[in-house]
Amino acid sequence: MLDLLAVQSSTAHPTVITMLYSLLLAFILSSLLAFVYEKTFLGLSYSRNFVQAIVLSSIVAATVMQAIGDNVGRGLGMLGALSIVRFRTNFKDPRDIMFLFAALGAGIGCGVFAWGAAAGGTVAFSIVALILSRAGLGSKHFFDGMLRFAMPNESEPRIAIEKVLRKNLKTFVLVTMREVDGGERLDIAYQVRLTAKKPAAEVLSELTKVKGVSDIQFMMQDATTEM
């Protein structure tokens, strides 16, 4: 049985077994990163292809580093070859870039046979990512969502709606108001913050009781962060 600790770890003359170990470890570490990314993802634009790209990029990085080895000429040639390629993929979330960098770092560590650094860095990154996703660090919402509805362009329903909002909401701020149907109706949007005792469903139910109110919509803040 092969002893992993006894395997040659020289970048100048790696053995076939050493290269296989490096690629296998790169696959395992990048799969862990992909699993953590999937479990901690909070946005809307989830991409299965990006999760697979995390795994593939680590293997590519390990392969490139093994091909370069300790040869400076190969490194410069590889740098020139990669400079020709133009990557035009846009990342909406900076967090996605960090996971891709983590996968590349794990692949580079495996490619130069720094297995301890690659494994330790990947495990540390995964633990911190899980902690941050549970702790909610950086999440700060002044409003819980956007409330939108149409109403008659009259003072009576307007007063009734203000009473409902003051009674059931902690905070509400008018965002837009525009006339529709030739000025007979108003299309209104509010940024609102809910109270602990009144969920959104109850607020919408109260609004439906106001005469003339229609097309009531409520969009949560988390659902409006990616457009």
C-alpha atoms as a PDB file:
ATOM      1  CA  MET A   1       0.000   0.000   0.000  1.00  0.00           C
ATOM      2  CA  LEU A   2       1.327   3.425  -0.928  1.00  0.00           C
ATOM      3  CA  ASP A   3       2.301   5.750   1.879  1.00  0.00           C
ATOM      4  CA  LEU A   4       1.154   9.308   1.141  1.00  0.00           C
ATOM      5  CA  LEU A   5       3.825  10.792   3.388  1.00  0.00           C
ATOM      6  CA  ALA A   6       6.562   8.878   1.598  1.00  0.00           C
ATOM      7  CA  VAL A   7       5.555  10.045  -1.853  1.00  0.00           C
ATOM      8  CA  GLN A   8       8.065  12.283  -3.561  1.00  0.00           C
ATOM      9  CA  SER A   9       7.029  15.931  -3.344  1.00  0.00           C
ATOM     10  CA  SER A  10       9.566  17.649  -5.578  1.00  0.00           C
ATOM     11  CA  THR A  11       8.173  19.989  -8.195  1.00  0.00           C
ATOM     12  CA  ALA A  12      11.183  19.431 -10.440  1.00  0.00           C
ATOM     13  CA  HIS A  13      10.748  15.696 -10.992  1.00  0.00           C
ATOM     14  CA  PRO A  14       7.345  14.569  -9.708  1.00  0.00           C
ATOM     15  CA  THR A  15       6.314  10.967 -10.034  1.00  0.00           C
ATOM     16  CA  VAL A  16       3.101   9.783 -11.606  1.00  0.00           C
ATOM     17  CA  ILE A  17       1.749   8.746  -8.207  1.00  0.00           C
ATOM     18  CA  THR A  18       2.553  12.169  -6.801  1.00  0.00           C
ATOM     19  CA  MET A  19       0.695  13.911  -9.603  1.00  0.00           C
ATOM     20  CA  LEU A  20      -2.308  11.627  -9.161  1.00  0.00           C
ATOM     21  CA  TYR A  21      -2.367  12.337  -5.436  1.00  0.00           C
ATOM     22  CA  SER A  22      -2.266  16.079  -6.138  1.00  0.00           C
ATOM     23  CA  LEU A  23      -5.124  15.972  -8.634  1.00  0.00           C
ATOM     24  CA  LEU A  24      -7.205  13.768  -6.343  1.00  0.00           C
ATOM     25  CA  LEU A  25      -6.639  16.101  -3.393  1.00  0.00           C
ATOM     26  CA  ALA A  26      -7.489  19.125  -5.555  1.00  0.00           C
ATOM     27  CA  PHE A  27     -10.754  17.446  -6.522  1.00  0.00           C
ATOM     28  CA  ILE A  28     -11.622  16.629  -2.894  1.00  0.00           C
ATOM     29  CA  LEU A  29     -10.834  20.136  -1.614  1.00  0.00           C
ATOM     30  CA  SER A  30     -12.668  21.894  -4.434  1.00  0.00           C
ATOM     31  CA  SER A  31     -15.672  19.602  -3.931  1.00  0.00           C
ATOM     32  CA  LEU A  32     -15.724  20.687  -0.275  1.00  0.00           C
ATOM     33  CA  LEU A  33     -15.685  24.330  -1.380  1.00  0.00           C
ATOM     34  CA  ALA A  34     -18.509  23.685  -3.853  1.00  0.00           C
ATOM     35  CA  PHE A  35     -20.551  21.973  -1.126  1.00  0.00           C
ATOM     36  CA  VAL A  36     -20.025  24.892   1.286  1.00  0.00           C
ATOM     37  CA  TYR A  37     -20.923  27.387  -1.451  1.00  0.00           C
ATOM     38  CA  GLU A  38     -24.156  25.531  -2.182  1.00  0.00           C
ATOM     39  CA  LYS A  39     -25.125  25.365   1.499  1.00  0.00           C
ATOM     40  CA  THR A  40     -24.332  29.033   2.226  1.00  0.00           C
ATOM     41  CA  PHE A  41     -25.715  30.605  -0.962  1.00  0.00           C
ATOM     42  CA  LEU A  42     -28.270  33.330  -0.207  1.00  0.00           C
ATOM     43  CA  GLY A  43     -28.806  35.143  -3.504  1.00  0.00           C
ATOM     44  CA  LEU A  44     -31.219  34.611  -6.379  1.00  0.00           C
ATOM     45  CA  SER A  45     -29.004  33.854  -9.379  1.00  0.00           C
ATOM     46  CA  TYR A  46     -27.819  30.378  -8.332  1.00  0.00           C
ATOM     47  CA  SER A  47     -25.830  28.688 -11.085  1.00  0.00           C
ATOM     48  CA  ARG A  48     -25.116  24.971 -11.210  1.00  0.00           C
ATOM     49  CA  ASN A  49     -22.424  25.660 -13.794  1.00  0.00           C
ATOM     50  CA  PHE A  50     -20.601  27.960 -11.362  1.00  0.00           C
ATOM     51  CA  VAL A  51     -20.584  25.242  -8.690  1.00  0.00           C
ATOM     52  CA  GLN A  52     -19.035  22.859 -11.192  1.00  0.00           C
ATOM     53  CA  ALA A  53     -16.584  25.557 -12.269  1.00  0.00           C
ATOM     54  CA  ILE A  54     -15.302  25.739  -8.681  1.00  0.00           C
ATOM     55  CA  VAL A  55     -14.319  22.075  -8.877  1.00  0.00           C
ATOM     56  CA  LEU A  56     -12.905  22.256 -12.400  1.00  0.00           C
ATOM     57  CA  SER A  57     -10.853  25.405 -11.778  1.00  0.00           C
ATOM     58  CA  SER A  58      -8.987  23.743  -8.913  1.00  0.00           C
ATOM     59  CA  ILE A  59      -8.029  20.773 -11.081  1.00  0.00           C
ATOM     60  CA  VAL A  60      -6.923  23.093 -13.899  1.00  0.00           C
ATOM     61  CA  ALA A  61      -4.795  25.141 -11.489  1.00  0.00           C
ATOM     62  CA  ALA A  62      -3.155  21.999 -10.121  1.00  0.00           C
ATOM     63  CA  THR A  63      -2.438  20.730 -13.634  1.00  0.00           C
ATOM     64  CA  VAL A  64      -0.923  24.062 -14.705  1.00  0.00           C
ATOM     65  CA  MET A  65       1.331  24.254 -11.652  1.00  0.00           C
ATOM     66  CA  GLN A  66       2.521  20.681 -12.206  1.00  0.00           C
ATOM     67  CA  ALA A  67       3.254  21.464 -15.849  1.00  0.00           C
ATOM     68  CA  ILE A  68       5.296  24.538 -14.894  1.00  0.00           C
ATOM     69  CA  GLY A  69       7.170  22.922 -12.013  1.00  0.00           C
ATOM     70  CA  ASP A  70      10.374  24.790 -11.133  1.00  0.00           C
ATOM     71  CA  ASN A  71      10.992  25.880 -14.731  1.00  0.00           C
ATOM     72  CA  VAL A  72      10.987  29.681 -15.028  1.00  0.00           C
ATOM     73  CA  GLY A  73      10.777  29.514 -18.809  1.00  0.00           C
ATOM     74  CA  ARG A  74       7.618  27.416 -18.648  1.00  0.00           C
ATOM     75  CA  GLY A  75       6.111  29.850 -16.185  1.00  0.00           C
ATOM     76  CA  LEU A  76       6.735  32.831 -18.443  1.00  0.00           C
ATOM     77  CA  GLY A  77       5.417  30.923 -21.429  1.00  0.00           C
ATOM     78  CA  MET A  78       2.289  29.907 -19.555  1.00  0.00           C
ATOM     79  CA  LEU A  79       1.785  33.507 -18.432  1.00  0.00           C
ATOM     80  CA  GLY A  80       2.018  34.719 -22.022  1.00  0.00           C
ATOM     81  CA  ALA A  81      -0.368  32.037 -23.238  1.00  0.00           C
ATOM     82  CA  LEU A  82      -2.966  32.824 -20.569  1.00  0.00           C
ATOM     83  CA  SER A  83      -2.717  36.569 -21.276  1.00  0.00           C
ATOM     84  CA  ILE A  84      -4.172  35.898 -24.719  1.00  0.00           C
ATOM     85  CA  VAL A  85      -7.360  34.470 -23.218  1.00  0.00           C
ATOM     86  CA  ARG A  86     -10.052  37.003 -22.329  1.00  0.00           C
ATOM     87  CA  PHE A  87     -12.408  36.029 -19.525  1.00  0.00           C
ATOM     88  CA  ARG A  88     -15.585  38.077 -19.791  1.00  0.00           C
ATOM     89  CA  THR A  89     -17.704  36.371 -17.152  1.00  0.00           C
ATOM     90  CA  ASN A  90     -19.369  38.923 -14.877  1.00  0.00           C
ATOM     91  CA  PHE A  91     -19.750  38.169 -11.176  1.00  0.00           C
ATOM     92  CA  LYS A  92     -22.692  39.889  -9.510  1.00  0.00           C
ATOM     93  CA  ASP A  93     -21.614  38.784  -6.047  1.00  0.00           C
ATOM     94  CA  PRO A  94     -18.031  39.389  -4.760  1.00  0.00           C
ATOM     95  CA  ARG A  95     -18.521  36.294  -2.620  1.00  0.00           C
ATOM     96  CA  ASP A  96     -18.547  34.161  -5.776  1.00  0.00           C
ATOM     97  CA  ILE A  97     -15.122  35.517  -6.700  1.00  0.00           C
ATOM     98  CA  MET A  98     -13.775  34.571  -3.267  1.00  0.00           C
ATOM     99  CA  PHE A  99     -14.940  30.971  -3.666  1.00  0.00           C
ATOM    100  CA  LEU A 100     -13.337  30.792  -7.100  1.00  0.00           C
ATOM    101  CA  PHE A 101     -10.082  32.209  -5.701  1.00  0.00           C
ATOM    102  CA  ALA A 102     -10.232  29.675  -2.875  1.00  0.00           C
ATOM    103  CA  ALA A 103     -10.583  26.848  -5.399  1.00  0.00           C
ATOM    104  CA  LEU A 104      -7.673  28.221  -7.433  1.00  0.00           C
ATOM    105  CA  GLY A 105      -5.594  28.554  -4.273  1.00  0.00           C
ATOM    106  CA  ALA A 106      -6.323  24.947  -3.321  1.00  0.00           C
ATOM    107  CA  GLY A 107      -5.398  23.815  -6.825  1.00  0.00           C
ATOM    108  CA  ILE A 108      -2.170  25.803  -6.836  1.00  0.00           C
ATOM    109  CA  GLY A 109      -1.229  24.406  -3.425  1.00  0.00           C
ATOM    110  CA  CYS A 110      -1.841  20.864  -4.635  1.00  0.00           C
ATOM    111  CA  GLY A 111       0.024  21.564  -7.871  1.00  0.00           C
ATOM    112  CA  VAL A 112       3.205  22.581  -6.037  1.00  0.00           C
ATOM    113  CA  PHE A 113       2.713  19.676  -3.591  1.00  0.00           C
ATOM    114  CA  ALA A 114       2.028  21.945  -0.607  1.00  0.00           C
ATOM    115  CA  TRP A 115      -0.709  19.580   0.488  1.00  0.00           C
ATOM    116  CA  GLY A 116      -0.820  20.738   4.106  1.00  0.00           C
ATOM    117  CA  ALA A 117      -1.243  24.392   3.155  1.00  0.00           C
ATOM    118  CA  ALA A 118      -3.903  23.551   0.556  1.00  0.00           C
ATOM    119  CA  ALA A 119      -5.926  21.350   2.916  1.00  0.00           C
ATOM    120  CA  GLY A 120      -5.563  23.683   5.908  1.00  0.00           C
ATOM    121  CA  GLY A 121      -6.490  26.773   3.906  1.00  0.00           C
ATOM    122  CA  THR A 122      -9.519  25.095   2.363  1.00  0.00           C
ATOM    123  CA  VAL A 123     -10.828  23.811   5.688  1.00  0.00           C
ATOM    124  CA  ALA A 124     -10.288  27.213   7.339  1.00  0.00           C
ATOM    125  CA  PHE A 125     -12.047  29.008   4.470  1.00  0.00           C
ATOM    126  CA  SER A 126     -14.993  26.598   4.626  1.00  0.00           C
ATOM    127  CA  ILE A 127     -15.404  26.953   8.391  1.00  0.00           C
ATOM    128  CA  VAL A 128     -15.303  30.754   8.226  1.00  0.00           C
ATOM    129  CA  ALA A 129     -17.802  30.778   5.320  1.00  0.00           C
ATOM    130  CA  LEU A 130     -20.214  28.604   7.318  1.00  0.00           C
ATOM    131  CA  ILE A 131     -19.851  30.780  10.417  1.00  0.00           C
ATOM    132  CA  LEU A 132     -20.454  33.994   8.470  1.00  0.00           C
ATOM    133  CA  SER A 133     -23.543  32.565   6.773  1.00  0.00           C
ATOM    134  CA  ARG A 134     -25.054  31.629  10.148  1.00  0.00           C
ATOM    135  CA  ALA A 135     -23.963  34.772  11.984  1.00  0.00           C
ATOM    136  CA  GLY A 136     -25.408  37.125   9.370  1.00  0.00           C
ATOM    137  CA  LEU A 137     -22.417  39.479   9.540  1.00  0.00           C
ATOM    138  CA  GLY A 138     -22.957  42.569   7.407  1.00  0.00           C
ATOM    139  CA  SER A 139     -26.723  42.172   7.060  1.00  0.00           C
ATOM    140  CA  LYS A 140     -28.408  45.476   7.805  1.00  0.00           C
ATOM    141  CA  HIS A 141     -31.856  46.278   6.460  1.00  0.00           C
ATOM    142  CA  PHE A 142     -33.471  49.609   7.146  1.00  0.00           C
ATOM    143  CA  PHE A 143     -36.614  48.247   5.468  1.00  0.00           C
ATOM    144  CA  ASP A 144     -38.101  44.777   5.205  1.00  0.00           C
ATOM    145  CA  GLY A 145     -39.586  45.214   1.750  1.00  0.00           C
ATOM    146  CA  MET A 146     -41.584  47.234  -0.739  1.00  0.00           C
ATOM    147  CA  LEU A 147     -45.367  47.572  -0.594  1.00  0.00           C
ATOM    148  CA  ARG A 148     -47.115  48.543  -3.827  1.00  0.00           C
ATOM    149  CA  PHE A 149     -50.797  49.047  -4.639  1.00  0.00           C
ATOM    150  CA  ALA A 150     -53.278  51.100  -6.669  1.00  0.00           C
ATOM    151  CA  MET A 151     -55.974  53.282  -5.138  1.00  0.00           C
ATOM    152  CA  PRO A 152     -58.534  55.929  -6.180  1.00  0.00           C
ATOM    153  CA  ASN A 153     -57.203  59.465  -6.435  1.00  0.00           C
ATOM    154  CA  GLU A 154     -59.401  60.639  -3.563  1.00  0.00           C
ATOM    155  CA  SER A 155     -58.711  61.892  -0.060  1.00  0.00           C
ATOM    156  CA  GLU A 156     -60.956  59.421   1.794  1.00  0.00           C
ATOM    157  CA  PRO A 157     -59.149  56.171   0.796  1.00  0.00           C
ATOM    158  CA  ARG A 158     -55.816  57.945   1.199  1.00  0.00           C
ATOM    159  CA  ILE A 159     -56.608  58.757   4.841  1.00  0.00           C
ATOM    160  CA  ALA A 160     -57.833  55.212   5.453  1.00  0.00           C
ATOM    161  CA  ILE A 161     -54.633  53.734   4.016  1.00  0.00           C
ATOM    162  CA  GLU A 162     -52.441  55.967   6.175  1.00  0.00           C
ATOM    163  CA  LYS A 163     -54.329  54.780   9.251  1.00  0.00           C
ATOM    164  CA  VAL A 164     -53.756  51.150   8.292  1.00  0.00           C
ATOM    165  CA  LEU A 165     -50.050  51.732   7.678  1.00  0.00           C
ATOM    166  CA  ARG A 166     -49.537  53.621  10.939  1.00  0.00           C
ATOM    167  CA  LYS A 167     -51.353  50.919  12.867  1.00  0.00           C
ATOM    168  CA  ASN A 168     -49.649  47.857  11.362  1.00  0.00           C
ATOM    169  CA  LEU A 169     -46.151  48.983  10.326  1.00  0.00           C
ATOM    170  CA  LYS A 170     -43.132  50.118  12.280  1.00  0.00           C
ATOM    171  CA  THR A 171     -41.886  52.454   9.517  1.00  0.00           C
ATOM    172  CA  PHE A 172     -43.090  53.355   6.027  1.00  0.00           C
ATOM    173  CA  VAL A 173     -41.628  55.778   3.500  1.00  0.00           C
ATOM    174  CA  LEU A 174     -43.248  56.823   0.233  1.00  0.00           C
ATOM    175  CA  VAL A 175     -41.043  55.891  -2.729  1.00  0.00           C
ATOM    176  CA  THR A 176     -43.138  56.596  -5.822  1.00  0.00           C
ATOM    177  CA  MET A 177     -46.574  57.957  -6.620  1.00  0.00           C
ATOM    178  CA  ARG A 178     -47.903  58.280 -10.152  1.00  0.00           C
ATOM    179  CA  GLU A 179     -51.265  58.841 -11.743  1.00  0.00           C
ATOM    180  CA  VAL A 180     -52.853  56.129 -13.906  1.00  0.00           C
ATOM    181  CA  ASP A 181     -56.144  55.808 -15.787  1.00  0.00           C
ATOM    182  CA  GLY A 182     -56.127  59.464 -16.719  1.00  0.00           C
ATOM    183  CA  GLY A 183     -55.541  60.624 -13.171  1.00  0.00           C
ATOM    184  CA  GLU A 184     -58.470  58.718 -11.670  1.00  0.00           C
ATOM    185  CA  ARG A 185     -56.205  56.289  -9.787  1.00  0.00           C
ATOM    186  CA  LEU A 186     -52.797  56.394  -8.155  1.00  0.00           C
ATOM    187  CA  ASP A 187     -50.034  53.795  -8.313  1.00  0.00           C
ATOM    188  CA  ILE A 188     -48.143  54.016  -4.999  1.00  0.00           C
ATOM    189  CA  ALA A 189     -45.032  52.270  -3.651  1.00  0.00           C
ATOM    190  CA  TYR A 190     -43.785  52.351  -0.044  1.00  0.00           C
ATOM    191  CA  GLN A 191     -40.619  51.066   1.576  1.00  0.00           C
ATOM    192  CA  VAL A 192     -41.889  49.459   4.784  1.00  0.00           C
ATOM    193  CA  ARG A 193     -40.594  47.859   7.943  1.00  0.00           C
ATOM    194  CA  LEU A 194     -42.789  45.273   9.611  1.00  0.00           C
ATOM    195  CA  THR A 195     -43.463  44.893  13.308  1.00  0.00           C
ATOM    196  CA  ALA A 196     -42.792  41.675  15.207  1.00  0.00           C
ATOM    197  CA  LYS A 197     -46.526  41.131  15.846  1.00  0.00           C
ATOM    198  CA  LYS A 198     -47.771  41.860  12.312  1.00  0.00           C
ATOM    199  CA  PRO A 199     -46.530  39.665   9.470  1.00  0.00           C
ATOM    200  CA  ALA A 200     -46.834  40.828   5.878  1.00  0.00           C
ATOM    201  CA  ALA A 201     -49.906  38.661   5.225  1.00  0.00           C
ATOM    202  CA  GLU A 202     -51.916  40.436   7.928  1.00  0.00           C
ATOM    203  CA  VAL A 203     -50.881  43.863   6.629  1.00  0.00           C
ATOM    204  CA  LEU A 204     -52.061  42.924   3.133  1.00  0.00           C
ATOM    205  CA  SER A 205     -55.321  41.639   4.588  1.00  0.00           C
ATOM    206  CA  GLU A 206     -55.912  44.976   6.308  1.00  0.00           C
ATOM    207  CA  LEU A 207     -55.244  46.865   3.083  1.00  0.00           C
ATOM    208  CA  THR A 208     -57.758  44.793   1.126  1.00  0.00           C
ATOM    209  CA  LYS A 209     -60.467  46.069   3.468  1.00  0.00           C
ATOM    210  CA  VAL A 210     -59.929  49.650   2.271  1.00  0.00           C
ATOM    211  CA  LYS A 211     -62.442  50.480  -0.424  1.00  0.00           C
ATOM    212  CA  GLY A 212     -60.947  50.946  -3.888  1.00  0.00           C
ATOM    213  CA  VAL A 213     -57.481  49.498  -3.167  1.00  0.00           C
ATOM    214  CA  SER A 214     -56.330  46.941  -5.736  1.00  0.00           C
ATOM    215  CA  ASP A 215     -53.218  45.287  -7.217  1.00  0.00           C
ATOM    216  CA  ILE A 216     -51.582  44.927  -3.801  1.00  0.00           C
ATOM    217  CA  GLN A 217     -48.015  43.573  -3.973  1.00  0.00           C
ATOM    218  CA  PHE A 218     -45.371  43.056  -1.309  1.00  0.00           C
ATOM    219  CA  MET A 219     -41.748  42.289  -2.234  1.00  0.00           C
ATOM    220  CA  MET A 220     -39.334  41.287   0.490  1.00  0.00           C
ATOM    221  CA  GLN A 221     -36.036  43.156   0.675  1.00  0.00           C
ATOM    222  CA  ASP A 222     -33.986  39.948   0.173  1.00  0.00           C
ATOM    223  CA  ALA A 223     -35.842  39.287  -3.081  1.00  0.00           C
ATOM    224  CA  THR A 224     -35.098  42.749  -4.486  1.00  0.00           C
ATOM    225  CA  THR A 225     -31.339  42.845  -3.950  1.00  0.00           C
ATOM    226  CA  GLU A 226     -30.492  41.253  -7.327  1.00  0.00           C
ATOM    227  CA  MET A 227     -32.050  42.762 -10.392  1.00  0.00           C
END
